[in-house]
Amino acid sequence: MGVDANMVQNILSLVPQQRPFRFIDDILEMDEGHIVGTYRFRDDEYFYKGHFPGQPVTPGVILIETMAQTGVVAFGLYLLMKQGLSNEQIKQLVTLFAMVDDCEFNGIVSPGERVIIKGEKVYLRRGNLKTKTIMERENGETVCYGVLTGRGVELNEKK
């Protein structure tokens, strides 16, 4: 199941994270129950210089952030649009990552590797989106997974 290219570009334009902290390249599938996105970890990512010199490995916290940007942020933007919010209303929100549960890592991700992120909605209520999210290699091997929760907050609420 594909998704409209204009919708994908619109959602990607609304994701607030930007380089060098943007870890979503594309959205392959999306409906009210799930999302599938991709990201390729570039050889020049800022964190590889220190994690680890001479043997770069993508940090676990970055893998969790990558899952969150697809499984919570982009998916949440799509669901807000489906609820009728306009781009202008959505631009007034920032997604705060609230919680990660049951996270497990089964492998490392090296520079140059492309991963597939799949998020399945557990619930969306009172502004909180909870998803079961998994990151896989292109061959289908699981890298990590967890249950992620985030919340859209109006910019003027941050203190």
Protein backbone atom coordinates (compact mmCIF):
# COMPACT_ATOMS: atom_id res chain seq x y z
CA MET A 1 0.00 0.00 0.00
CA GLY A 2 1.60 3.24 -1.13
CA VAL A 3 0.83 6.78 -0.17
CA ASP A 4 0.28 9.96 -2.16
CA ALA A 5 3.63 11.63 -2.98
CA ASN A 6 2.23 15.11 -2.27
CA MET A 7 1.05 13.97 1.17
CA VAL A 8 4.50 12.49 1.89
CA GLN A 9 6.27 15.71 0.87
CA ASN A 10 3.84 17.78 2.94
CA ILE A 11 4.40 15.66 6.05
CA LEU A 12 8.18 15.62 5.60
CA SER A 13 8.13 19.41 5.27
CA LEU A 14 6.32 19.64 8.62
CA VAL A 15 8.67 17.37 10.59
CA PRO A 16 10.41 19.89 12.86
CA GLN A 17 13.73 18.06 13.21
CA GLN A 18 16.31 19.16 10.66
CA ARG A 19 19.88 18.13 9.74
CA PRO A 20 21.99 17.21 11.51
CA PHE A 21 19.25 15.77 13.74
CA ARG A 22 16.82 14.62 11.05
CA PHE A 23 16.54 10.83 10.72
CA ILE A 24 13.72 10.32 8.24
CA ASP A 25 14.24 10.35 4.46
CA ASP A 26 11.01 8.96 3.04
CA ILE A 27 7.59 7.53 3.86
CA LEU A 28 6.67 4.40 1.92
CA GLU A 29 3.29 3.56 3.47
CA MET A 30 0.84 5.31 5.73
CA ASP A 31 -2.74 4.98 6.83
CA GLU A 32 -4.64 5.55 10.07
CA GLY A 33 -3.18 2.39 11.61
CA HIS A 34 0.47 2.35 10.55
CA ILE A 35 3.42 4.06 8.90
CA VAL A 36 6.55 2.78 7.13
CA GLY A 37 9.50 5.11 6.61
CA THR A 38 13.19 4.93 5.72
CA TYR A 39 16.47 6.51 6.66
CA ARG A 40 20.02 6.02 5.39
CA PHE A 41 22.71 6.74 7.97
CA ARG A 42 25.23 8.81 6.06
CA ASP A 43 28.95 8.26 6.44
CA ASP A 44 29.40 11.85 7.66
CA GLU A 45 26.85 11.80 10.52
CA TYR A 46 28.24 14.00 13.31
CA PHE A 47 28.13 11.29 16.00
CA TYR A 48 30.34 8.76 14.19
CA LYS A 49 33.50 10.77 14.95
CA GLY A 50 33.18 9.94 18.64
CA HIS A 51 31.11 6.73 18.61
CA PHE A 52 33.55 5.04 18.08
CA PRO A 53 36.72 6.45 16.46
CA GLY A 54 37.91 4.01 13.82
CA GLN A 55 34.88 1.71 14.30
CA PRO A 56 31.76 3.88 13.89
CA VAL A 57 28.49 2.51 15.27
CA THR A 58 25.16 4.34 15.39
CA PRO A 59 24.33 5.09 19.06
CA GLY A 60 21.25 3.40 20.52
CA VAL A 61 19.71 6.73 21.46
CA ILE A 62 19.94 7.79 17.81
CA LEU A 63 18.21 4.56 16.76
CA ILE A 64 15.39 5.34 19.22
CA GLU A 65 15.19 8.91 17.89
CA THR A 66 15.02 7.55 14.35
CA MET A 67 12.13 5.30 15.31
CA ALA A 68 10.41 8.23 17.05
CA GLN A 69 10.72 10.60 14.08
CA THR A 70 8.88 8.13 11.85
CA GLY A 71 6.69 6.21 14.30
CA VAL A 72 5.57 9.17 16.42
CA VAL A 73 6.36 12.51 14.75
CA ALA A 74 5.59 11.88 11.05
CA PHE A 75 2.78 9.46 11.90
CA GLY A 76 1.32 11.95 14.37
CA LEU A 77 1.41 14.71 11.75
CA TYR A 78 -0.51 12.47 9.35
CA LEU A 79 -3.12 11.63 12.00
CA LEU A 80 -3.54 15.33 12.88
CA MET A 81 -4.16 16.09 9.20
CA LYS A 82 -6.75 13.31 9.11
CA GLN A 83 -8.45 15.02 12.08
CA GLY A 84 -8.70 18.20 10.01
CA LEU A 85 -5.84 20.32 11.35
CA SER A 86 -4.31 22.64 8.78
CA ASN A 87 -0.59 22.99 8.05
CA GLU A 88 -0.64 26.33 9.87
CA GLN A 89 -2.14 24.76 12.99
CA ILE A 90 0.33 21.89 12.84
CA LYS A 91 3.28 24.29 12.49
CA GLN A 92 2.35 25.66 15.94
CA LEU A 93 3.03 22.26 17.49
CA VAL A 94 6.25 20.55 18.46
CA THR A 95 6.28 16.85 19.24
CA LEU A 96 7.72 16.03 22.61
CA PHE A 97 8.94 12.48 22.95
CA ALA A 98 7.40 11.27 26.19
CA MET A 99 8.29 7.64 26.76
CA VAL A 100 9.95 4.50 25.45
CA ASP A 101 9.04 1.07 26.81
CA ASP A 102 10.25 -2.44 26.11
CA CYS A 103 13.09 -1.28 23.88
CA GLU A 104 15.46 -3.98 22.72
CA PHE A 105 18.46 -3.87 20.40
CA ASN A 106 19.34 -6.87 18.27
CA GLY A 107 22.15 -5.46 16.17
CA ILE A 108 24.25 -2.45 15.24
CA VAL A 109 23.75 0.01 12.41
CA SER A 110 26.86 1.07 10.50
CA PRO A 111 27.52 4.19 8.41
CA GLY A 112 25.90 3.94 4.99
CA GLU A 113 23.21 1.52 6.12
CA ARG A 114 19.55 2.10 5.19
CA VAL A 115 16.90 1.11 7.71
CA ILE A 116 13.14 0.64 7.45
CA ILE A 117 11.03 1.94 10.33
CA LYS A 118 7.52 0.57 10.89
CA GLY A 119 5.12 2.08 13.39
CA GLU A 120 1.76 0.60 14.36
CA LYS A 121 -0.73 2.73 16.29
CA VAL A 122 -1.58 1.50 19.76
CA TYR A 123 -3.69 4.58 20.53
CA LEU A 124 -4.13 8.28 19.89
CA ARG A 125 -5.94 9.96 22.76
CA ARG A 126 -5.83 13.37 24.43
CA GLY A 127 -2.96 14.34 22.13
CA ASN A 128 -0.81 11.34 23.03
CA LEU A 129 0.25 8.94 20.30
CA LYS A 130 1.54 5.53 21.35
CA THR A 131 3.04 3.20 18.73
CA LYS A 132 4.73 -0.16 18.53
CA THR A 133 7.76 0.65 16.41
CA ILE A 134 10.36 -1.58 14.83
CA MET A 135 13.53 -0.84 12.88
CA GLU A 136 14.70 -3.36 10.30
CA ARG A 137 17.52 -3.71 7.84
CA GLU A 138 16.56 -3.84 4.18
CA ASN A 139 16.76 -7.66 4.35
CA GLY A 140 14.04 -7.71 7.07
CA GLU A 141 16.38 -8.42 10.00
CA THR A 142 15.24 -6.61 13.16
CA VAL A 143 17.69 -4.05 14.54
CA CYS A 144 15.60 -2.73 17.43
CA TYR A 145 12.04 -2.22 18.57
CA GLY A 146 10.04 -0.58 21.32
CA VAL A 147 6.80 1.08 22.33
CA LEU A 148 7.11 4.85 21.86
CA THR A 149 4.86 7.66 23.05
CA GLY A 150 4.86 11.31 22.06
CA ARG A 151 2.67 14.35 22.41
CA GLY A 152 2.12 17.40 20.23
CA VAL A 153 2.50 20.56 22.32
CA GLU A 154 1.78 24.11 21.22
CA LEU A 155 4.96 26.16 20.93
CA ASN A 156 3.74 28.75 23.43
CA GLU A 157 3.20 25.98 26.05
CA LYS A 158 6.92 25.22 26.32
CA LYS A 159 8.45 26.61 29.47
